Amino acid sequence: GYLQSKWVAEQLVGLARDRGLPVSVHRV
């Protein structure tokens, strides 16, 4: 469930980027 939640959160970040928000993703 943790990894699933991080994946979904990354999809929200992707949608935000598509709208022009400056968001970097650091996969650790």
mmCIF file of all heavy atoms, coordinates in Angstrom:
data_MODEL
# 
_entry.id   MODEL 
# 
loop_
_atom_site.group_PDB 
_atom_site.id 
_atom_site.type_symbol 
_atom_site.label_atom_id 
_atom_site.label_alt_id 
_atom_site.label_comp_id 
_atom_site.label_asym_id 
_atom_site.label_entity_id 
_atom_site.label_seq_id 
_atom_site.pdbx_PDB_ins_code 
_atom_site.Cartn_x 
_atom_site.Cartn_y 
_atom_site.Cartn_z 
_atom_site.occupancy 
_atom_site.B_iso_or_equiv 
_atom_site.pdbx_formal_charge 
_atom_site.auth_seq_id 
_atom_site.auth_comp_id 
_atom_site.auth_asym_id 
_atom_site.auth_atom_id 
_atom_site.pdbx_PDB_model_num 
ATOM 1   N N   . GLY A 1 1  ? 0.812  -1.206 0.000   1.00 0.00 ? 1  GLY A N   1 
ATOM 2   C CA  . GLY A 1 1  ? 0.000  0.000  0.000   1.00 0.00 ? 1  GLY A CA  1 
ATOM 3   C C   . GLY A 1 1  ? 0.845  1.255  0.000   1.00 0.00 ? 1  GLY A C   1 
ATOM 4   O O   . GLY A 1 1  ? 0.456  2.280  -0.591  1.00 0.00 ? 1  GLY A O   1 
ATOM 5   N N   . TYR A 1 2  ? 2.008  1.210  0.668   1.00 0.00 ? 2  TYR A N   1 
ATOM 6   C CA  . TYR A 1 2  ? 2.883  2.383  0.695   1.00 0.00 ? 2  TYR A CA  1 
ATOM 7   C C   . TYR A 1 2  ? 3.360  2.736  -0.714  1.00 0.00 ? 2  TYR A C   1 
ATOM 8   O O   . TYR A 1 2  ? 3.267  3.895  -1.144  1.00 0.00 ? 2  TYR A O   1 
ATOM 9   C CB  . TYR A 1 2  ? 4.077  2.136  1.611   1.00 0.00 ? 2  TYR A CB  1 
ATOM 10  C CG  . TYR A 1 2  ? 5.128  3.204  1.507   1.00 0.00 ? 2  TYR A CG  1 
ATOM 11  C CD1 . TYR A 1 2  ? 4.887  4.487  1.978   1.00 0.00 ? 2  TYR A CD1 1 
ATOM 12  C CD2 . TYR A 1 2  ? 6.355  2.955  0.894   1.00 0.00 ? 2  TYR A CD2 1 
ATOM 13  C CE1 . TYR A 1 2  ? 5.844  5.491  1.859   1.00 0.00 ? 2  TYR A CE1 1 
ATOM 14  C CE2 . TYR A 1 2  ? 7.313  3.946  0.765   1.00 0.00 ? 2  TYR A CE2 1 
ATOM 15  C CZ  . TYR A 1 2  ? 7.056  5.209  1.250   1.00 0.00 ? 2  TYR A CZ  1 
ATOM 16  O OH  . TYR A 1 2  ? 7.998  6.200  1.115   1.00 0.00 ? 2  TYR A OH  1 
ATOM 17  N N   . LEU A 1 3  ? 3.873  1.746  -1.446  1.00 0.00 ? 3  LEU A N   1 
ATOM 18  C CA  . LEU A 1 3  ? 4.364  2.023  -2.790  1.00 0.00 ? 3  LEU A CA  1 
ATOM 19  C C   . LEU A 1 3  ? 3.228  2.448  -3.708  1.00 0.00 ? 3  LEU A C   1 
ATOM 20  O O   . LEU A 1 3  ? 3.407  3.310  -4.575  1.00 0.00 ? 3  LEU A O   1 
ATOM 21  C CB  . LEU A 1 3  ? 5.071  0.780  -3.346  1.00 0.00 ? 3  LEU A CB  1 
ATOM 22  C CG  . LEU A 1 3  ? 6.333  0.359  -2.600  1.00 0.00 ? 3  LEU A CG  1 
ATOM 23  C CD1 . LEU A 1 3  ? 6.927  -0.904 -3.220  1.00 0.00 ? 3  LEU A CD1 1 
ATOM 24  C CD2 . LEU A 1 3  ? 7.371  1.477  -2.585  1.00 0.00 ? 3  LEU A CD2 1 
ATOM 25  N N   . GLN A 1 4  ? 2.059  1.862  -3.524  1.00 0.00 ? 4  GLN A N   1 
ATOM 26  C CA  . GLN A 1 4  ? 0.905  2.270  -4.317  1.00 0.00 ? 4  GLN A CA  1 
ATOM 27  C C   . GLN A 1 4  ? 0.569  3.735  -4.061  1.00 0.00 ? 4  GLN A C   1 
ATOM 28  O O   . GLN A 1 4  ? 0.274  4.503  -4.989  1.00 0.00 ? 4  GLN A O   1 
ATOM 29  C CB  . GLN A 1 4  ? -0.298 1.379  -3.990  1.00 0.00 ? 4  GLN A CB  1 
ATOM 30  C CG  . GLN A 1 4  ? -0.130 -0.052 -4.465  1.00 0.00 ? 4  GLN A CG  1 
ATOM 31  C CD  . GLN A 1 4  ? -1.053 -1.024 -3.757  1.00 0.00 ? 4  GLN A CD  1 
ATOM 32  O OE1 . GLN A 1 4  ? -1.779 -0.648 -2.829  1.00 0.00 ? 4  GLN A OE1 1 
ATOM 33  N NE2 . GLN A 1 4  ? -1.031 -2.278 -4.174  1.00 0.00 ? 4  GLN A NE2 1 
ATOM 34  N N   . SER A 1 5  ? 0.647  4.153  -2.786  1.00 0.00 ? 5  SER A N   1 
ATOM 35  C CA  . SER A 1 5  ? 0.327  5.545  -2.459  1.00 0.00 ? 5  SER A CA  1 
ATOM 36  C C   . SER A 1 5  ? 1.361  6.498  -3.035  1.00 0.00 ? 5  SER A C   1 
ATOM 37  O O   . SER A 1 5  ? 1.023  7.604  -3.481  1.00 0.00 ? 5  SER A O   1 
ATOM 38  C CB  . SER A 1 5  ? 0.219  5.720  -0.933  1.00 0.00 ? 5  SER A CB  1 
ATOM 39  O OG  . SER A 1 5  ? 1.489  5.639  -0.311  1.00 0.00 ? 5  SER A OG  1 
ATOM 40  N N   . LYS A 1 6  ? 2.623  6.093  -3.064  1.00 0.00 ? 6  LYS A N   1 
ATOM 41  C CA  . LYS A 1 6  ? 3.659  6.951  -3.640  1.00 0.00 ? 6  LYS A CA  1 
ATOM 42  C C   . LYS A 1 6  ? 3.501  7.042  -5.163  1.00 0.00 ? 6  LYS A C   1 
ATOM 43  O O   . LYS A 1 6  ? 3.745  8.098  -5.758  1.00 0.00 ? 6  LYS A O   1 
ATOM 44  C CB  . LYS A 1 6  ? 5.048  6.432  -3.271  1.00 0.00 ? 6  LYS A CB  1 
ATOM 45  C CG  . LYS A 1 6  ? 5.352  6.451  -1.785  1.00 0.00 ? 6  LYS A CG  1 
ATOM 46  C CD  . LYS A 1 6  ? 5.357  7.854  -1.205  1.00 0.00 ? 6  LYS A CD  1 
ATOM 47  C CE  . LYS A 1 6  ? 6.634  8.604  -1.521  1.00 0.00 ? 6  LYS A CE  1 
ATOM 48  N NZ  . LYS A 1 6  ? 6.679  9.923  -0.814  1.00 0.00 ? 6  LYS A NZ  1 
ATOM 49  N N   . TRP A 1 7  ? 3.072  5.943  -5.788  1.00 0.00 ? 7  TRP A N   1 
ATOM 50  C CA  . TRP A 1 7  ? 2.845  5.969  -7.230  1.00 0.00 ? 7  TRP A CA  1 
ATOM 51  C C   . TRP A 1 7  ? 1.702  6.924  -7.568  1.00 0.00 ? 7  TRP A C   1 
ATOM 52  O O   . TRP A 1 7  ? 1.811  7.742  -8.493  1.00 0.00 ? 7  TRP A O   1 
ATOM 53  C CB  . TRP A 1 7  ? 2.536  4.567  -7.751  1.00 0.00 ? 7  TRP A CB  1 
ATOM 54  C CG  . TRP A 1 7  ? 2.340  4.525  -9.237  1.00 0.00 ? 7  TRP A CG  1 
ATOM 55  C CD1 . TRP A 1 7  ? 3.314  4.409  -10.191 1.00 0.00 ? 7  TRP A CD1 1 
ATOM 56  C CD2 . TRP A 1 7  ? 1.100  4.634  -9.948  1.00 0.00 ? 7  TRP A CD2 1 
ATOM 57  N NE1 . TRP A 1 7  ? 2.754  4.431  -11.453 1.00 0.00 ? 7  TRP A NE1 1 
ATOM 58  C CE2 . TRP A 1 7  ? 1.397  4.571  -11.336 1.00 0.00 ? 7  TRP A CE2 1 
ATOM 59  C CE3 . TRP A 1 7  ? -0.226 4.770  -9.551  1.00 0.00 ? 7  TRP A CE3 1 
ATOM 60  C CZ2 . TRP A 1 7  ? 0.409  4.640  -12.315 1.00 0.00 ? 7  TRP A CZ2 1 
ATOM 61  C CZ3 . TRP A 1 7  ? -1.223 4.850  -10.525 1.00 0.00 ? 7  TRP A CZ3 1 
ATOM 62  C CH2 . TRP A 1 7  ? -0.902 4.781  -11.895 1.00 0.00 ? 7  TRP A CH2 1 
ATOM 63  N N   . VAL A 1 8  ? 0.605  6.836  -6.834  1.00 0.00 ? 8  VAL A N   1 
ATOM 64  C CA  . VAL A 1 8  ? -0.534 7.716  -7.102  1.00 0.00 ? 8  VAL A CA  1 
ATOM 65  C C   . VAL A 1 8  ? -0.124 9.172  -6.873  1.00 0.00 ? 8  VAL A C   1 
ATOM 66  O O   . VAL A 1 8  ? -0.485 10.065 -7.657  1.00 0.00 ? 8  VAL A O   1 
ATOM 67  C CB  . VAL A 1 8  ? -1.739 7.331  -6.227  1.00 0.00 ? 8  VAL A CB  1 
ATOM 68  C CG1 . VAL A 1 8  ? -2.867 8.352  -6.396  1.00 0.00 ? 8  VAL A CG1 1 
ATOM 69  C CG2 . VAL A 1 8  ? -2.240 5.935  -6.581  1.00 0.00 ? 8  VAL A CG2 1 
ATOM 70  N N   . ALA A 1 9  ? 0.638  9.430  -5.805  1.00 0.00 ? 9  ALA A N   1 
ATOM 71  C CA  . ALA A 1 9  ? 1.095  10.800 -5.548  1.00 0.00 ? 9  ALA A CA  1 
ATOM 72  C C   . ALA A 1 9  ? 1.954  11.311 -6.705  1.00 0.00 ? 9  ALA A C   1 
ATOM 73  O O   . ALA A 1 9  ? 1.852  12.482 -7.100  1.00 0.00 ? 9  ALA A O   1 
ATOM 74  C CB  . ALA A 1 9  ? 1.868  10.860 -4.239  1.00 0.00 ? 9  ALA A CB  1 
ATOM 75  N N   . GLU A 1 10 ? 2.796  10.440 -7.267  1.00 0.00 ? 10 GLU A N   1 
ATOM 76  C CA  . GLU A 1 10 ? 3.604  10.851 -8.420  1.00 0.00 ? 10 GLU A CA  1 
ATOM 77  C C   . GLU A 1 10 ? 2.715  11.203 -9.619  1.00 0.00 ? 10 GLU A C   1 
ATOM 78  O O   . GLU A 1 10 ? 3.044  12.094 -10.408 1.00 0.00 ? 10 GLU A O   1 
ATOM 79  C CB  . GLU A 1 10 ? 4.593  9.757  -8.819  1.00 0.00 ? 10 GLU A CB  1 
ATOM 80  C CG  . GLU A 1 10 ? 5.927  9.848  -8.124  1.00 0.00 ? 10 GLU A CG  1 
ATOM 81  C CD  . GLU A 1 10 ? 7.049  9.199  -8.931  1.00 0.00 ? 10 GLU A CD  1 
ATOM 82  O OE1 . GLU A 1 10 ? 6.932  9.139  -10.179 1.00 0.00 ? 10 GLU A OE1 1 
ATOM 83  O OE2 . GLU A 1 10 ? 8.033  8.767  -8.315  1.00 0.00 ? 10 GLU A OE2 1 
ATOM 84  N N   . GLN A 1 11 ? 1.608  10.495 -9.771  1.00 0.00 ? 11 GLN A N   1 
ATOM 85  C CA  . GLN A 1 11 ? 0.701  10.826 -10.877 1.00 0.00 ? 11 GLN A CA  1 
ATOM 86  C C   . GLN A 1 11 ? 0.107  12.214 -10.685 1.00 0.00 ? 11 GLN A C   1 
ATOM 87  O O   . GLN A 1 11 ? -0.058 12.968 -11.655 1.00 0.00 ? 11 GLN A O   1 
ATOM 88  C CB  . GLN A 1 11 ? -0.416 9.777  -10.989 1.00 0.00 ? 11 GLN A CB  1 
ATOM 89  C CG  . GLN A 1 11 ? 0.059  8.339  -11.111 1.00 0.00 ? 11 GLN A CG  1 
ATOM 90  C CD  . GLN A 1 11 ? 1.200  8.167  -12.092 1.00 0.00 ? 11 GLN A CD  1 
ATOM 91  O OE1 . GLN A 1 11 ? 1.059  8.421  -13.292 1.00 0.00 ? 11 GLN A OE1 1 
ATOM 92  N NE2 . GLN A 1 11 ? 2.344  7.734  -11.593 1.00 0.00 ? 11 GLN A NE2 1 
ATOM 93  N N   . LEU A 1 12 ? -0.219 12.581 -9.431  1.00 0.00 ? 12 LEU A N   1 
ATOM 94  C CA  . LEU A 1 12 ? -0.701 13.933 -9.164  1.00 0.00 ? 12 LEU A CA  1 
ATOM 95  C C   . LEU A 1 12 ? 0.373  14.964 -9.504  1.00 0.00 ? 12 LEU A C   1 
ATOM 96  O O   . LEU A 1 12 ? 0.076  16.031 -10.061 1.00 0.00 ? 12 LEU A O   1 
ATOM 97  C CB  . LEU A 1 12 ? -1.114 14.073 -7.703  1.00 0.00 ? 12 LEU A CB  1 
ATOM 98  C CG  . LEU A 1 12 ? -2.336 13.275 -7.242  1.00 0.00 ? 12 LEU A CG  1 
ATOM 99  C CD1 . LEU A 1 12 ? -2.668 13.634 -5.797  1.00 0.00 ? 12 LEU A CD1 1 
ATOM 100 C CD2 . LEU A 1 12 ? -3.542 13.524 -8.140  1.00 0.00 ? 12 LEU A CD2 1 
ATOM 101 N N   . VAL A 1 13 ? 1.608  14.638 -9.166  1.00 0.00 ? 13 VAL A N   1 
ATOM 102 C CA  . VAL A 1 13 ? 2.715  15.535 -9.508  1.00 0.00 ? 13 VAL A CA  1 
ATOM 103 C C   . VAL A 1 13 ? 2.811  15.697 -11.022 1.00 0.00 ? 13 VAL A C   1 
ATOM 104 O O   . VAL A 1 13 ? 3.027  16.802 -11.529 1.00 0.00 ? 13 VAL A O   1 
ATOM 105 C CB  . VAL A 1 13 ? 4.042  14.997 -8.924  1.00 0.00 ? 13 VAL A CB  1 
ATOM 106 C CG1 . VAL A 1 13 ? 5.236  15.713 -9.537  1.00 0.00 ? 13 VAL A CG1 1 
ATOM 107 C CG2 . VAL A 1 13 ? 4.054  15.150 -7.410  1.00 0.00 ? 13 VAL A CG2 1 
ATOM 108 N N   . GLY A 1 14 ? 2.634  14.597 -11.745 1.00 0.00 ? 14 GLY A N   1 
ATOM 109 C CA  . GLY A 1 14 ? 2.674  14.676 -13.198 1.00 0.00 ? 14 GLY A CA  1 
ATOM 110 C C   . GLY A 1 14 ? 1.578  15.566 -13.756 1.00 0.00 ? 14 GLY A C   1 
ATOM 111 O O   . GLY A 1 14 ? 1.811  16.359 -14.685 1.00 0.00 ? 14 GLY A O   1 
ATOM 112 N N   . LEU A 1 15 ? 0.379  15.464 -13.186 1.00 0.00 ? 15 LEU A N   1 
ATOM 113 C CA  . LEU A 1 15 ? -0.720 16.335 -13.616 1.00 0.00 ? 15 LEU A CA  1 
ATOM 114 C C   . LEU A 1 15 ? -0.392 17.799 -13.322 1.00 0.00 ? 15 LEU A C   1 
ATOM 115 O O   . LEU A 1 15 ? -0.699 18.697 -14.130 1.00 0.00 ? 15 LEU A O   1 
ATOM 116 C CB  . LEU A 1 15 ? -2.016 15.932 -12.912 1.00 0.00 ? 15 LEU A CB  1 
ATOM 117 C CG  . LEU A 1 15 ? -2.588 14.557 -13.281 1.00 0.00 ? 15 LEU A CG  1 
ATOM 118 C CD1 . LEU A 1 15 ? -3.776 14.223 -12.371 1.00 0.00 ? 15 LEU A CD1 1 
ATOM 119 C CD2 . LEU A 1 15 ? -3.003 14.515 -14.743 1.00 0.00 ? 15 LEU A CD2 1 
ATOM 120 N N   . ALA A 1 16 ? 0.226  18.042 -12.165 1.00 0.00 ? 16 ALA A N   1 
ATOM 121 C CA  . ALA A 1 16 ? 0.601  19.410 -11.811 1.00 0.00 ? 16 ALA A CA  1 
ATOM 122 C C   . ALA A 1 16 ? 1.644  19.953 -12.785 1.00 0.00 ? 16 ALA A C   1 
ATOM 123 O O   . ALA A 1 16 ? 1.579  21.119 -13.211 1.00 0.00 ? 16 ALA A O   1 
ATOM 124 C CB  . ALA A 1 16 ? 1.130  19.445 -10.382 1.00 0.00 ? 16 ALA A CB  1 
ATOM 125 N N   . ARG A 1 17 ? 2.607  19.122 -13.149 1.00 0.00 ? 17 ARG A N   1 
ATOM 126 C CA  . ARG A 1 17 ? 3.620  19.543 -14.115 1.00 0.00 ? 17 ARG A CA  1 
ATOM 127 C C   . ARG A 1 17 ? 2.971  19.897 -15.457 1.00 0.00 ? 17 ARG A C   1 
ATOM 128 O O   . ARG A 1 17 ? 3.340  20.871 -16.102 1.00 0.00 ? 17 ARG A O   1 
ATOM 129 C CB  . ARG A 1 17 ? 4.636  18.415 -14.326 1.00 0.00 ? 17 ARG A CB  1 
ATOM 130 C CG  . ARG A 1 17 ? 5.670  18.253 -13.230 1.00 0.00 ? 17 ARG A CG  1 
ATOM 131 C CD  . ARG A 1 17 ? 6.430  16.975 -13.520 1.00 0.00 ? 17 ARG A CD  1 
ATOM 132 N NE  . ARG A 1 17 ? 7.658  16.866 -12.766 1.00 0.00 ? 17 ARG A NE  1 
ATOM 133 C CZ  . ARG A 1 17 ? 8.447  15.787 -12.787 1.00 0.00 ? 17 ARG A CZ  1 
ATOM 134 N NH1 . ARG A 1 17 ? 8.093  14.741 -13.524 1.00 0.00 ? 17 ARG A NH1 1 
ATOM 135 N NH2 . ARG A 1 17 ? 9.544  15.739 -12.080 1.00 0.00 ? 17 ARG A NH2 1 
ATOM 136 N N   . ASP A 1 18 ? 2.015  19.069 -15.864 1.00 0.00 ? 18 ASP A N   1 
ATOM 137 C CA  . ASP A 1 18 ? 1.335  19.323 -17.137 1.00 0.00 ? 18 ASP A CA  1 
ATOM 138 C C   . ASP A 1 18 ? 0.639  20.683 -17.139 1.00 0.00 ? 18 ASP A C   1 
ATOM 139 O O   . ASP A 1 18 ? 0.498  21.308 -18.191 1.00 0.00 ? 18 ASP A O   1 
ATOM 140 C CB  . ASP A 1 18 ? 0.311  18.220 -17.420 1.00 0.00 ? 18 ASP A CB  1 
ATOM 141 C CG  . ASP A 1 18 ? 0.949  16.879 -17.720 1.00 0.00 ? 18 ASP A CG  1 
ATOM 142 O OD1 . ASP A 1 18 ? 2.164  16.849 -18.024 1.00 0.00 ? 18 ASP A OD1 1 
ATOM 143 O OD2 . ASP A 1 18 ? 0.252  15.850 -17.636 1.00 0.00 ? 18 ASP A OD2 1 
ATOM 144 N N   . ARG A 1 19 ? 0.220  21.129 -15.953 1.00 0.00 ? 19 ARG A N   1 
ATOM 145 C CA  . ARG A 1 19 ? -0.425 22.437 -15.852 1.00 0.00 ? 19 ARG A CA  1 
ATOM 146 C C   . ARG A 1 19 ? 0.581  23.575 -15.705 1.00 0.00 ? 19 ARG A C   1 
ATOM 147 O O   . ARG A 1 19 ? 0.193  24.746 -15.663 1.00 0.00 ? 19 ARG A O   1 
ATOM 148 C CB  . ARG A 1 19 ? -1.378 22.464 -14.658 1.00 0.00 ? 19 ARG A CB  1 
ATOM 149 C CG  . ARG A 1 19 ? -2.562 21.536 -14.810 1.00 0.00 ? 19 ARG A CG  1 
ATOM 150 C CD  . ARG A 1 19 ? -3.500 21.658 -13.625 1.00 0.00 ? 19 ARG A CD  1 
ATOM 151 N NE  . ARG A 1 19 ? -4.578 20.670 -13.700 1.00 0.00 ? 19 ARG A NE  1 
ATOM 152 C CZ  . ARG A 1 19 ? -5.522 20.522 -12.778 1.00 0.00 ? 19 ARG A CZ  1 
ATOM 153 N NH1 . ARG A 1 19 ? -5.534 21.315 -11.704 1.00 0.00 ? 19 ARG A NH1 1 
ATOM 154 N NH2 . ARG A 1 19 ? -6.449 19.595 -12.904 1.00 0.00 ? 19 ARG A NH2 1 
ATOM 155 N N   . GLY A 1 20 ? 1.856  23.233 -15.587 1.00 0.00 ? 20 GLY A N   1 
ATOM 156 C CA  . GLY A 1 20 ? 2.875  24.265 -15.510 1.00 0.00 ? 20 GLY A CA  1 
ATOM 157 C C   . GLY A 1 20 ? 3.463  24.511 -14.140 1.00 0.00 ? 20 GLY A C   1 
ATOM 158 O O   . GLY A 1 20 ? 4.250  25.447 -13.956 1.00 0.00 ? 20 GLY A O   1 
ATOM 159 N N   . LEU A 1 21 ? 3.114  23.679 -13.143 1.00 0.00 ? 21 LEU A N   1 
ATOM 160 C CA  . LEU A 1 21 ? 3.707  23.845 -11.812 1.00 0.00 ? 21 LEU A CA  1 
ATOM 161 C C   . LEU A 1 21 ? 5.141  23.323 -11.824 1.00 0.00 ? 21 LEU A C   1 
ATOM 162 O O   . LEU A 1 21 ? 5.415  22.257 -12.392 1.00 0.00 ? 21 LEU A O   1 
ATOM 163 C CB  . LEU A 1 21 ? 2.894  23.101 -10.754 1.00 0.00 ? 21 LEU A CB  1 
ATOM 164 C CG  . LEU A 1 21 ? 1.749  23.874 -10.086 1.00 0.00 ? 21 LEU A CG  1 
ATOM 165 C CD1 . LEU A 1 21 ? 0.627  24.113 -11.079 1.00 0.00 ? 21 LEU A CD1 1 
ATOM 166 C CD2 . LEU A 1 21 ? 1.243  23.112 -8.870  1.00 0.00 ? 21 LEU A CD2 1 
ATOM 167 N N   . PRO A 1 22 ? 6.069  24.034 -11.174 1.00 0.00 ? 22 PRO A N   1 
ATOM 168 C CA  . PRO A 1 22 ? 7.465  23.590 -11.122 1.00 0.00 ? 22 PRO A CA  1 
ATOM 169 C C   . PRO A 1 22 ? 7.676  22.564 -10.001 1.00 0.00 ? 22 PRO A C   1 
ATOM 170 O O   . PRO A 1 22 ? 7.866  22.938 -8.841  1.00 0.00 ? 22 PRO A O   1 
ATOM 171 C CB  . PRO A 1 22 ? 8.229  24.893 -10.853 1.00 0.00 ? 22 PRO A CB  1 
ATOM 172 C CG  . PRO A 1 22 ? 7.245  25.740 -10.090 1.00 0.00 ? 22 PRO A CG  1 
ATOM 173 C CD  . PRO A 1 22 ? 5.879  25.368 -10.576 1.00 0.00 ? 22 PRO A CD  1 
ATOM 174 N N   . VAL A 1 23 ? 7.630  21.297 -10.335 1.00 0.00 ? 23 VAL A N   1 
ATOM 175 C CA  . VAL A 1 23 ? 7.760  20.231 -9.339  1.00 0.00 ? 23 VAL A CA  1 
ATOM 176 C C   . VAL A 1 23 ? 8.850  19.258 -9.776  1.00 0.00 ? 23 VAL A C   1 
ATOM 177 O O   . VAL A 1 23 ? 8.784  18.696 -10.874 1.00 0.00 ? 23 VAL A O   1 
ATOM 178 C CB  . VAL A 1 23 ? 6.446  19.450 -9.140  1.00 0.00 ? 23 VAL A CB  1 
ATOM 179 C CG1 . VAL A 1 23 ? 6.571  18.513 -7.938  1.00 0.00 ? 23 VAL A CG1 1 
ATOM 180 C CG2 . VAL A 1 23 ? 5.269  20.398 -8.970  1.00 0.00 ? 23 VAL A CG2 1 
ATOM 181 N N   . SER A 1 24 ? 9.847  19.070 -8.937  1.00 0.00 ? 24 SER A N   1 
ATOM 182 C CA  . SER A 1 24 ? 10.879 18.057 -9.169  1.00 0.00 ? 24 SER A CA  1 
ATOM 183 C C   . SER A 1 24 ? 10.555 16.816 -8.362  1.00 0.00 ? 24 SER A C   1 
ATOM 184 O O   . SER A 1 24 ? 9.993  16.908 -7.263  1.00 0.00 ? 24 SER A O   1 
ATOM 185 C CB  . SER A 1 24 ? 12.259 18.588 -8.770  1.00 0.00 ? 24 SER A CB  1 
ATOM 186 O OG  . SER A 1 24 ? 12.676 19.624 -9.632  1.00 0.00 ? 24 SER A OG  1 
ATOM 187 N N   . VAL A 1 25 ? 10.918 15.672 -8.909  1.00 0.00 ? 25 VAL A N   1 
ATOM 188 C CA  . VAL A 1 25 ? 10.723 14.397 -8.218  1.00 0.00 ? 25 VAL A CA  1 
ATOM 189 C C   . VAL A 1 25 ? 12.091 13.781 -7.964  1.00 0.00 ? 25 VAL A C   1 
ATOM 190 O O   . VAL A 1 25 ? 12.907 13.647 -8.893  1.00 0.00 ? 25 VAL A O   1 
ATOM 191 C CB  . VAL A 1 25 ? 9.855  13.434 -9.053  1.00 0.00 ? 25 VAL A CB  1 
ATOM 192 C CG1 . VAL A 1 25 ? 9.767  12.070 -8.379  1.00 0.00 ? 25 VAL A CG1 1 
ATOM 193 C CG2 . VAL A 1 25 ? 8.465  14.019 -9.262  1.00 0.00 ? 25 VAL A CG2 1 
ATOM 194 N N   . HIS A 1 26 ? 12.340 13.408 -6.727  1.00 0.00 ? 26 HIS A N   1 
ATOM 195 C CA  . HIS A 1 26 ? 13.593 12.757 -6.341  1.00 0.00 ? 26 HIS A CA  1 
ATOM 196 C C   . HIS A 1 26 ? 13.254 11.348 -5.873  1.00 0.00 ? 26 HIS A C   1 
ATOM 197 O O   . HIS A 1 26 ? 12.725 11.162 -4.771  1.00 0.00 ? 26 HIS A O   1 
ATOM 198 C CB  . HIS A 1 26 ? 14.291 13.548 -5.228  1.00 0.00 ? 26 HIS A CB  1 
ATOM 199 C CG  . HIS A 1 26 ? 14.553 14.976 -5.583  1.00 0.00 ? 26 HIS A CG  1 
ATOM 200 N ND1 . HIS A 1 26 ? 15.712 15.393 -6.204  1.00 0.00 ? 26 HIS A ND1 1 
ATOM 201 C CD2 . HIS A 1 26 ? 13.777 16.091 -5.430  1.00 0.00 ? 26 HIS A CD2 1 
ATOM 202 C CE1 . HIS A 1 26 ? 15.655 16.702 -6.407  1.00 0.00 ? 26 HIS A CE1 1 
ATOM 203 N NE2 . HIS A 1 26 ? 14.497 17.142 -5.941  1.00 0.00 ? 26 HIS A NE2 1 
ATOM 204 N N   . ARG A 1 27 ? 13.505 10.363 -6.727  1.00 0.00 ? 27 ARG A N   1 
ATOM 205 C CA  . ARG A 1 27 ? 13.232 8.961  -6.381  1.00 0.00 ? 27 ARG A CA  1 
ATOM 206 C C   . ARG A 1 27 ? 14.437 8.380  -5.660  1.00 0.00 ? 27 ARG A C   1 
ATOM 207 O O   . ARG A 1 27 ? 15.535 8.315  -6.216  1.00 0.00 ? 27 ARG A O   1 
ATOM 208 C CB  . ARG A 1 27 ? 12.922 8.157  -7.644  1.00 0.00 ? 27 ARG A CB  1 
ATOM 209 C CG  . ARG A 1 27 ? 11.617 8.551  -8.328  1.00 0.00 ? 27 ARG A CG  1 
ATOM 210 C CD  . ARG A 1 27 ? 11.374 7.675  -9.538  1.00 0.00 ? 27 ARG A CD  1 
ATOM 211 N NE  . ARG A 1 27 ? 10.165 8.090  -10.267 1.00 0.00 ? 27 ARG A NE  1 
ATOM 212 C CZ  . ARG A 1 27 ? 10.050 8.076  -11.578 1.00 0.00 ? 27 ARG A CZ  1 
ATOM 213 N NH1 . ARG A 1 27 ? 11.076 7.656  -12.331 1.00 0.00 ? 27 ARG A NH1 1 
ATOM 214 N NH2 . ARG A 1 27 ? 8.932  8.462  -12.158 1.00 0.00 ? 27 ARG A NH2 1 
ATOM 215 N N   . VAL A 1 28 ? 14.204 7.942  -4.428  1.00 0.00 ? 28 VAL A N   1 
ATOM 216 C CA  . VAL A 1 28 ? 15.288 7.530  -3.544  1.00 0.00 ? 28 VAL A CA  1 
ATOM 217 C C   . VAL A 1 28 ? 15.230 6.024  -3.320  1.00 0.00 ? 28 VAL A C   1 
ATOM 218 O O   . VAL A 1 28 ? 14.153 5.449  -3.139  1.00 0.00 ? 28 VAL A O   1 
ATOM 219 C CB  . VAL A 1 28 ? 15.188 8.279  -2.200  1.00 0.00 ? 28 VAL A CB  1 
ATOM 220 C CG1 . VAL A 1 28 ? 16.316 7.881  -1.272  1.00 0.00 ? 28 VAL A CG1 1 
ATOM 221 C CG2 . VAL A 1 28 ? 15.193 9.794  -2.436  1.00 0.00 ? 28 VAL A CG2 1 
# 
